[in-house]
PDB file of N, CA and C in Angstrom:
ATOM      1  N   MET A   1      38.024   6.774   9.538  1.00  0.00           N
ATOM      2  CA  MET A   1      37.119   6.365   8.528  1.00  0.00           C
ATOM      3  C   MET A   1      35.837   5.776   9.054  1.00  0.00           C
ATOM      4  N   ALA A   2      35.925   4.993  10.112  1.00  0.00           N
ATOM      5  CA  ALA A   2      34.692   4.308  10.719  1.00  0.00           C
ATOM      6  C   ALA A   2      33.827   5.382  11.325  1.00  0.00           C
ATOM      7  N   ILE A   3      34.450   6.436  11.977  1.00  0.00           N
ATOM      8  CA  ILE A   3      33.663   7.513  12.702  1.00  0.00           C
ATOM      9  C   ILE A   3      32.917   8.185  11.584  1.00  0.00           C
ATOM     10  N   ARG A   4      33.493   8.501  10.472  1.00  0.00           N
ATOM     11  CA  ARG A   4      32.852   9.245   9.379  1.00  0.00           C
ATOM     12  C   ARG A   4      31.605   8.458   8.861  1.00  0.00           C
ATOM     13  N   GLN A   5      31.701   7.141   8.814  1.00  0.00           N
ATOM     14  CA  GLN A   5      30.585   6.298   8.330  1.00  0.00           C
ATOM     15  C   GLN A   5      29.440   6.272   9.360  1.00  0.00           C
ATOM     16  N   MET A   6      29.916   6.228  10.613  1.00  0.00           N
ATOM     17  CA  MET A   6      28.900   6.213  11.680  1.00  0.00           C
ATOM     18  C   MET A   6      28.135   7.541  11.675  1.00  0.00           C
ATOM     19  N   LEU A   7      28.896   8.677  11.493  1.00  0.00           N
ATOM     20  CA  LEU A   7      28.191   9.973  11.495  1.00  0.00           C
ATOM     21  C   LEU A   7      27.252  10.009  10.335  1.00  0.00           C
ATOM     22  N   ARG A   8      27.592   9.564   9.146  1.00  0.00           N
ATOM     23  CA  ARG A   8      26.757   9.594   8.009  1.00  0.00           C
ATOM     24  C   ARG A   8      25.487   8.795   8.258  1.00  0.00           C
ATOM     25  N   ARG A   9      25.671   7.601   8.806  1.00  0.00           N
ATOM     26  CA  ARG A   9      24.481   6.753   9.158  1.00  0.00           C
ATOM     27  C   ARG A   9      23.581   7.507  10.150  1.00  0.00           C
ATOM     28  N   SER A  10      24.159   8.050  11.193  1.00  0.00           N
ATOM     29  CA  SER A  10      23.394   8.768  12.146  1.00  0.00           C
ATOM     30  C   SER A  10      22.588   9.898  11.549  1.00  0.00           C
ATOM     31  N   LEU A  11      23.283  10.690  10.691  1.00  0.00           N
ATOM     32  CA  LEU A  11      22.621  11.773  10.030  1.00  0.00           C
ATOM     33  C   LEU A  11      21.431  11.307   9.153  1.00  0.00           C
ATOM     34  N   SER A  12      21.757  10.201   8.383  1.00  0.00           N
ATOM     35  CA  SER A  12      20.670   9.749   7.515  1.00  0.00           C
ATOM     36  C   SER A  12      19.497   9.129   8.321  1.00  0.00           C
ATOM     37  N   ASN A  13      19.782   8.521   9.435  1.00  0.00           N
ATOM     38  CA  ASN A  13      18.662   7.972  10.319  1.00  0.00           C
ATOM     39  C   ASN A  13      17.890   9.200  10.844  1.00  0.00           C
ATOM     40  N   GLU A  14      18.564  10.294  11.247  1.00  0.00           N
ATOM     41  CA  GLU A  14      17.905  11.422  11.775  1.00  0.00           C
ATOM     42  C   GLU A  14      16.951  12.069  10.648  1.00  0.00           C
ATOM     43  N   ARG A  15      17.430  12.094   9.428  1.00  0.00           N
ATOM     44  CA  ARG A  15      16.563  12.618   8.398  1.00  0.00           C
ATOM     45  C   ARG A  15      15.331  11.776   8.178  1.00  0.00           C
ATOM     46  N   ARG A  16      15.485  10.459   8.216  1.00  0.00           N
ATOM     47  CA  ARG A  16      14.351   9.577   8.046  1.00  0.00           C
ATOM     48  C   ARG A  16      13.345   9.730   9.158  1.00  0.00           C
ATOM     49  N   SER A  17      13.840   9.981  10.374  1.00  0.00           N
ATOM     50  CA  SER A  17      12.859  10.095  11.494  1.00  0.00           C
ATOM     51  C   SER A  17      12.058  11.435  11.391  1.00  0.00           C
ATOM     52  N   ASN A  18      12.601  12.391  10.581  1.00  0.00           N
ATOM     53  CA  ASN A  18      11.903  13.693  10.446  1.00  0.00           C
ATOM     54  C   ASN A  18      10.984  13.673   9.279  1.00  0.00           C
ATOM     55  N   GLU A  19      11.123  12.640   8.426  1.00  0.00           N
ATOM     56  CA  GLU A  19      10.207  12.589   7.279  1.00  0.00           C
ATOM     57  C   GLU A  19       8.869  12.192   7.708  1.00  0.00           C
ATOM     58  N   VAL A  20       7.857  12.754   6.945  1.00  0.00           N
ATOM     59  CA  VAL A  20       6.487  12.458   7.162  1.00  0.00           C
ATOM     60  C   VAL A  20       5.929  11.635   6.001  1.00  0.00           C
ATOM     61  N   PRO A  21       5.353  10.499   6.273  1.00  0.00           N
ATOM     62  CA  PRO A  21       4.793   9.624   5.166  1.00  0.00           C
ATOM     63  C   PRO A  21       3.750  10.366   4.354  1.00  0.00           C
ATOM     64  N   LYS A  22       3.634  10.041   3.107  1.00  0.00           N
ATOM     65  CA  LYS A  22       2.674  10.626   2.265  1.00  0.00           C
ATOM     66  C   LYS A  22       1.261  10.335   2.903  1.00  0.00           C
ATOM     67  N   GLY A  23       0.307  11.281   2.839  1.00  0.00           N
ATOM     68  CA  GLY A  23      -1.001  11.164   3.454  1.00  0.00           C
ATOM     69  C   GLY A  23      -1.057  11.356   4.948  1.00  0.00           C
ATOM     70  N   HIS A  24       0.054  11.932   5.540  1.00  0.00           N
ATOM     71  CA  HIS A  24       0.047  12.235   6.915  1.00  0.00           C
ATOM     72  C   HIS A  24       0.514  13.624   7.138  1.00  0.00           C
ATOM     73  N   PHE A  25       0.434  14.119   8.446  1.00  0.00           N
ATOM     74  CA  PHE A  25       0.978  15.366   8.854  1.00  0.00           C
ATOM     75  C   PHE A  25       1.305  15.360  10.277  1.00  0.00           C
ATOM     76  N   VAL A  26       2.191  16.271  10.666  1.00  0.00           N
ATOM     77  CA  VAL A  26       2.634  16.332  12.051  1.00  0.00           C
ATOM     78  C   VAL A  26       1.901  17.335  12.878  1.00  0.00           C
ATOM     79  N   VAL A  27       1.640  16.951  14.117  1.00  0.00           N
ATOM     80  CA  VAL A  27       1.127  17.851  15.146  1.00  0.00           C
ATOM     81  C   VAL A  27       1.959  17.741  16.371  1.00  0.00           C
ATOM     82  N   TYR A  28       1.986  18.829  17.160  1.00  0.00           N
ATOM     83  CA  TYR A  28       2.704  18.834  18.437  1.00  0.00           C
ATOM     84  C   TYR A  28       1.606  18.892  19.523  1.00  0.00           C
ATOM     85  N   VAL A  29       1.695  18.091  20.542  1.00  0.00           N
ATOM     86  CA  VAL A  29       0.597  17.920  21.502  1.00  0.00           C
ATOM     87  C   VAL A  29       1.261  17.887  22.949  1.00  0.00           C
ATOM     88  N   GLY A  30       0.608  18.630  23.847  1.00  0.00           N
ATOM     89  CA  GLY A  30       1.018  18.518  25.254  1.00  0.00           C
ATOM     90  C   GLY A  30       0.734  19.907  25.867  1.00  0.00           C
ATOM     91  N   GLU A  31       0.631  19.877  27.164  1.00  0.00           N
ATOM     92  CA  GLU A  31       0.367  21.133  27.899  1.00  0.00           C
ATOM     93  C   GLU A  31       1.641  21.849  28.221  1.00  0.00           C
ATOM     94  N   SER A  32       2.661  21.180  28.724  1.00  0.00           N
ATOM     95  CA  SER A  32       3.874  21.861  29.048  1.00  0.00           C
ATOM     96  C   SER A  32       4.980  21.361  28.050  1.00  0.00           C
ATOM     97  N   GLU A  33       5.276  20.112  28.015  1.00  0.00           N
ATOM     98  CA  GLU A  33       6.209  19.592  27.016  1.00  0.00           C
ATOM     99  C   GLU A  33       5.541  19.031  25.867  1.00  0.00           C
ATOM    100  N   LYS A  34       5.874  19.509  24.696  1.00  0.00           N
ATOM    101  CA  LYS A  34       5.155  19.052  23.439  1.00  0.00           C
ATOM    102  C   LYS A  34       5.786  17.788  22.910  1.00  0.00           C
ATOM    103  N   LYS A  35       4.924  16.909  22.477  1.00  0.00           N
ATOM    104  CA  LYS A  35       5.405  15.668  21.851  1.00  0.00           C
ATOM    105  C   LYS A  35       4.893  15.642  20.369  1.00  0.00           C
ATOM    106  N   ARG A  36       5.702  15.183  19.519  1.00  0.00           N
ATOM    107  CA  ARG A  36       5.427  15.073  18.029  1.00  0.00           C
ATOM    108  C   ARG A  36       4.600  13.861  17.663  1.00  0.00           C
ATOM    109  N   PHE A  37       3.552  14.016  16.989  1.00  0.00           N
ATOM    110  CA  PHE A  37       2.718  12.909  16.463  1.00  0.00           C
ATOM    111  C   PHE A  37       2.603  13.007  14.978  1.00  0.00           C
ATOM    112  N   VAL A  38       2.637  11.908  14.282  1.00  0.00           N
ATOM    113  CA  VAL A  38       2.360  11.892  12.838  1.00  0.00           C
ATOM    114  C   VAL A  38       0.957  11.224  12.719  1.00  0.00           C
ATOM    115  N   VAL A  39       0.035  11.949  12.095  1.00  0.00           N
ATOM    116  CA  VAL A  39      -1.232  11.424  12.043  1.00  0.00           C
ATOM    117  C   VAL A  39      -1.810  11.451  10.559  1.00  0.00           C
ATOM    118  N   PRO A  40      -2.747  10.584  10.213  1.00  0.00           N
ATOM    119  CA  PRO A  40      -3.253  10.487   8.855  1.00  0.00           C
ATOM    120  C   PRO A  40      -4.112  11.782   8.530  1.00  0.00           C
ATOM    121  N   LEU A  41      -4.025  12.112   7.279  1.00  0.00           N
ATOM    122  CA  LEU A  41      -4.888  13.264   6.805  1.00  0.00           C
ATOM    123  C   LEU A  41      -6.358  13.045   6.989  1.00  0.00           C
ATOM    124  N   SER A  42      -6.719  11.800   6.957  1.00  0.00           N
ATOM    125  CA  SER A  42      -8.213  11.421   7.065  1.00  0.00           C
ATOM    126  C   SER A  42      -8.766  11.849   8.395  1.00  0.00           C
ATOM    127  N   TYR A  43      -7.954  12.151   9.424  1.00  0.00           N
ATOM    128  CA  TYR A  43      -8.458  12.636  10.675  1.00  0.00           C
ATOM    129  C   TYR A  43      -9.014  14.019  10.523  1.00  0.00           C
ATOM    130  N   LEU A  44      -8.623  14.766   9.554  1.00  0.00           N
ATOM    131  CA  LEU A  44      -9.092  16.151   9.407  1.00  0.00           C
ATOM    132  C   LEU A  44     -10.623  16.176   9.176  1.00  0.00           C
ATOM    133  N   ASN A  45     -11.199  15.101   8.693  1.00  0.00           N
ATOM    134  CA  ASN A  45     -12.630  14.984   8.432  1.00  0.00           C
ATOM    135  C   ASN A  45     -13.503  14.654   9.635  1.00  0.00           C
ATOM    136  N   ASN A  46     -12.751  14.279  10.696  1.00  0.00           N
ATOM    137  CA  ASN A  46     -13.565  13.855  11.898  1.00  0.00           C
ATOM    138  C   ASN A  46     -13.934  14.997  12.824  1.00  0.00           C
ATOM    139  N   PRO A  47     -15.159  15.115  13.221  1.00  0.00           N
ATOM    140  CA  PRO A  47     -15.605  16.221  14.141  1.00  0.00           C
ATOM    141  C   PRO A  47     -14.816  16.344  15.420  1.00  0.00           C
ATOM    142  N   SER A  48     -14.391  15.228  15.955  1.00  0.00           N
ATOM    143  CA  SER A  48     -13.618  15.310  17.250  1.00  0.00           C
ATOM    144  C   SER A  48     -12.229  15.922  17.006  1.00  0.00           C
ATOM    145  N   PHE A  49     -11.668  15.561  15.896  1.00  0.00           N
ATOM    146  CA  PHE A  49     -10.301  16.119  15.595  1.00  0.00           C
ATOM    147  C   PHE A  49     -10.451  17.604  15.159  1.00  0.00           C
ATOM    148  N   GLN A  50     -11.578  17.923  14.480  1.00  0.00           N
ATOM    149  CA  GLN A  50     -11.823  19.319  14.092  1.00  0.00           C
ATOM    150  C   GLN A  50     -11.971  20.220  15.324  1.00  0.00           C
ATOM    151  N   GLU A  51     -12.574  19.609  16.406  1.00  0.00           N
ATOM    152  CA  GLU A  51     -12.689  20.476  17.612  1.00  0.00           C
ATOM    153  C   GLU A  51     -11.313  20.769  18.233  1.00  0.00           C
ATOM    154  N   LEU A  52     -10.386  19.762  18.142  1.00  0.00           N
ATOM    155  CA  LEU A  52      -9.001  20.049  18.617  1.00  0.00           C
ATOM    156  C   LEU A  52      -8.348  21.165  17.723  1.00  0.00           C
ATOM    157  N   LEU A  53      -8.657  21.129  16.397  1.00  0.00           N
ATOM    158  CA  LEU A  53      -8.127  22.210  15.573  1.00  0.00           C
ATOM    159  C   LEU A  53      -8.710  23.523  15.918  1.00  0.00           C
ATOM    160  N   CYS A  54     -10.022  23.558  16.229  1.00  0.00           N
ATOM    161  CA  CYS A  54     -10.597  24.866  16.672  1.00  0.00           C
ATOM    162  C   CYS A  54      -9.913  25.376  17.927  1.00  0.00           C
ATOM    163  N   GLN A  55      -9.608  24.456  18.861  1.00  0.00           N
ATOM    164  CA  GLN A  55      -8.938  24.879  20.109  1.00  0.00           C
ATOM    165  C   GLN A  55      -7.548  25.456  19.732  1.00  0.00           C
ATOM    166  N   ALA A  56      -6.832  24.780  18.800  1.00  0.00           N
ATOM    167  CA  ALA A  56      -5.584  25.350  18.434  1.00  0.00           C
ATOM    168  C   ALA A  56      -5.644  26.633  17.795  1.00  0.00           C
ATOM    169  N   GLU A  57      -6.739  26.892  16.935  1.00  0.00           N
ATOM    170  CA  GLU A  57      -6.952  28.181  16.290  1.00  0.00           C
ATOM    171  C   GLU A  57      -7.174  29.277  17.382  1.00  0.00           C
ATOM    172  N   GLU A  58      -8.055  28.945  18.344  1.00  0.00           N
ATOM    173  CA  GLU A  58      -8.334  29.873  19.386  1.00  0.00           C
ATOM    174  C   GLU A  58      -7.111  30.305  20.239  1.00  0.00           C
ATOM    175  N   GLU A  59      -6.283  29.332  20.489  1.00  0.00           N
ATOM    176  CA  GLU A  59      -5.178  29.622  21.405  1.00  0.00           C
ATOM    177  C   GLU A  59      -4.030  30.197  20.583  1.00  0.00           C
ATOM    178  N   PHE A  60      -3.703  29.644  19.443  1.00  0.00           N
ATOM    179  CA  PHE A  60      -2.489  30.112  18.758  1.00  0.00           C
ATOM    180  C   PHE A  60      -2.742  30.926  17.455  1.00  0.00           C
ATOM    181  N   GLY A  61      -3.969  30.925  16.933  1.00  0.00           N
ATOM    182  CA  GLY A  61      -4.138  31.577  15.647  1.00  0.00           C
ATOM    183  C   GLY A  61      -3.381  30.838  14.576  1.00  0.00           C
ATOM    184  N   PHE A  62      -2.635  31.584  13.802  1.00  0.00           N
ATOM    185  CA  PHE A  62      -1.712  31.020  12.814  1.00  0.00           C
ATOM    186  C   PHE A  62      -0.307  31.002  13.229  1.00  0.00           C
ATOM    187  N   HIS A  63       0.065  31.374  14.457  1.00  0.00           N
ATOM    188  CA  HIS A  63       1.480  31.425  15.002  1.00  0.00           C
ATOM    189  C   HIS A  63       1.518  30.172  15.941  1.00  0.00           C
ATOM    190  N   HIS A  64       2.216  29.198  15.540  1.00  0.00           N
ATOM    191  CA  HIS A  64       2.403  27.998  16.372  1.00  0.00           C
ATOM    192  C   HIS A  64       3.856  27.955  16.905  1.00  0.00           C
ATOM    193  N   PRO A  65       4.069  27.892  18.163  1.00  0.00           N
ATOM    194  CA  PRO A  65       5.422  27.991  18.789  1.00  0.00           C
ATOM    195  C   PRO A  65       6.372  26.904  18.330  1.00  0.00           C
ATOM    196  N   MET A  66       5.845  25.724  17.949  1.00  0.00           N
ATOM    197  CA  MET A  66       6.783  24.698  17.585  1.00  0.00           C
ATOM    198  C   MET A  66       7.138  24.718  16.079  1.00  0.00           C
ATOM    199  N   GLY A  67       6.516  25.625  15.399  1.00  0.00           N
ATOM    200  CA  GLY A  67       6.830  25.790  13.965  1.00  0.00           C
ATOM    201  C   GLY A  67       5.884  24.834  13.135  1.00  0.00           C
ATOM    202  N   GLY A  68       5.126  24.009  13.819  1.00  0.00           N
ATOM    203  CA  GLY A  68       4.172  23.151  13.144  1.00  0.00           C
ATOM    204  C   GLY A  68       2.848  23.325  13.854  1.00  0.00           C
ATOM    205  N   LEU A  69       1.892  22.583  13.531  1.00  0.00           N
ATOM    206  CA  LEU A  69       0.558  22.680  14.117  1.00  0.00           C
ATOM    207  C   LEU A  69       0.659  22.155  15.559  1.00  0.00           C
ATOM    208  N   THR A  70       0.275  23.060  16.544  1.00  0.00           N
ATOM    209  CA  THR A  70       0.309  22.751  17.986  1.00  0.00           C
ATOM    210  C   THR A  70      -1.076  22.605  18.462  1.00  0.00           C
ATOM    211  N   ILE A  71      -1.414  21.528  19.091  1.00  0.00           N
ATOM    212  CA  ILE A  71      -2.748  21.275  19.688  1.00  0.00           C
ATOM    213  C   ILE A  71      -2.650  21.380  21.220  1.00  0.00           C
ATOM    214  N   PRO A  72      -3.405  22.325  21.772  1.00  0.00           N
ATOM    215  CA  PRO A  72      -3.318  22.639  23.230  1.00  0.00           C
ATOM    216  C   PRO A  72      -4.222  21.663  24.035  1.00  0.00           C
ATOM    217  N   CYS A  73      -3.868  20.408  24.122  1.00  0.00           N
ATOM    218  CA  CYS A  73      -4.532  19.516  25.041  1.00  0.00           C
ATOM    219  C   CYS A  73      -3.548  18.513  25.605  1.00  0.00           C
ATOM    220  N   SER A  74      -4.026  17.763  26.574  1.00  0.00           N
ATOM    221  CA  SER A  74      -3.053  16.788  27.179  1.00  0.00           C
ATOM    222  C   SER A  74      -2.764  15.708  26.220  1.00  0.00           C
ATOM    223  N   GLU A  75      -1.550  15.102  26.384  1.00  0.00           N
ATOM    224  CA  GLU A  75      -1.214  13.961  25.507  1.00  0.00           C
ATOM    225  C   GLU A  75      -2.179  12.836  25.690  1.00  0.00           C
ATOM    226  N   GLU A  76      -2.678  12.606  26.854  1.00  0.00           N
ATOM    227  CA  GLU A  76      -3.602  11.499  27.136  1.00  0.00           C
ATOM    228  C   GLU A  76      -4.926  11.754  26.351  1.00  0.00           C
ATOM    229  N   LEU A  77      -5.475  12.948  26.382  1.00  0.00           N
ATOM    230  CA  LEU A  77      -6.677  13.197  25.604  1.00  0.00           C
ATOM    231  C   LEU A  77      -6.476  13.009  24.045  1.00  0.00           C
ATOM    232  N   PHE A  78      -5.344  13.482  23.614  1.00  0.00           N
ATOM    233  CA  PHE A  78      -5.039  13.278  22.172  1.00  0.00           C
ATOM    234  C   PHE A  78      -4.959  11.849  21.776  1.00  0.00           C
ATOM    235  N   ILE A  79      -4.278  11.070  22.626  1.00  0.00           N
ATOM    236  CA  ILE A  79      -4.162   9.620  22.396  1.00  0.00           C
ATOM    237  C   ILE A  79      -5.494   8.906  22.432  1.00  0.00           C
ATOM    238  N   ASP A  80      -6.354   9.354  23.399  1.00  0.00           N
ATOM    239  CA  ASP A  80      -7.697   8.801  23.449  1.00  0.00           C
ATOM    240  C   ASP A  80      -8.502   9.031  22.172  1.00  0.00           C
ATOM    241  N   ILE A  81      -8.452  10.331  21.761  1.00  0.00           N
ATOM    242  CA  ILE A  81      -9.235  10.700  20.559  1.00  0.00           C
ATOM    243  C   ILE A  81      -8.740   9.977  19.314  1.00  0.00           C
ATOM    244  N   THR A  82      -7.391  10.017  19.153  1.00  0.00           N
ATOM    245  CA  THR A  82      -6.802   9.424  17.923  1.00  0.00           C
ATOM    246  C   THR A  82      -6.890   7.869  17.965  1.00  0.00           C
ATOM    247  N   SER A  83      -6.856   7.264  19.107  1.00  0.00           N
ATOM    248  CA  SER A  83      -7.022   5.865  19.164  1.00  0.00           C
ATOM    249  C   SER A  83      -8.448   5.399  18.769  1.00  0.00           C
ATOM    250  N   HIS A  84      -9.474   6.290  19.149  1.00  0.00           N
ATOM    251  CA  HIS A  84     -10.831   6.051  18.780  1.00  0.00           C
ATOM    252  C   HIS A  84     -11.027   6.177  17.363  1.00  0.00           C
ATOM    253  N   LEU A  85     -10.283   7.217  16.712  1.00  0.00           N
ATOM    254  CA  LEU A  85     -10.342   7.409  15.278  1.00  0.00           C
ATOM    255  C   LEU A  85      -9.749   6.355  14.465  1.00  0.00           C
ATOM    256  N   SER A  86      -8.652   5.715  14.991  1.00  0.00           N
ATOM    257  CA  SER A  86      -8.041   4.644  14.284  1.00  0.00           C
ATOM    258  C   SER A  86      -8.875   3.344  14.261  1.00  0.00           C
ATOM    259  N   ARG A  87      -9.801   3.248  15.165  1.00  0.00           N
ATOM    260  CA  ARG A  87     -10.612   2.030  15.212  1.00  0.00           C
ATOM    261  C   ARG A  87     -11.876   2.208  14.323  1.00  0.00           C
ATOM    262  N   THR A  88     -12.140   3.419  13.839  1.00  0.00           N
ATOM    263  CA  THR A  88     -13.331   3.637  13.065  1.00  0.00           C
ATOM    264  C   THR A  88     -13.040   3.591  11.564  1.00  0.00           C
TER     265      THR A  88
END
C-alpha cells in the first residue's frame, strides 16, 4: 500500500514539473545537450529575444527536434539575455 502511494505522489509531482504557468512558454536551449527553460510571454516583444527566435527559425524552421521551441545558442548566452530582460 505504501509503495502505491509513493508512486502516485511521484507521478503527480512529475506532472506538476511539466506544467507551464499561465503567461509562460517553454524553450529548449543548448548547443549539444538541451535544457528546458520556462520564460514569460512578455519576452516575445523584446528585440534581443526576437533575434534568438530568428536564429531558431533559420536553423530549424518549424521542425524542432525537442518537440518544443528549440533555440540554437549556448545556455550561458540565453541566461545572459533573459537575466537582462528580467531586470527591465
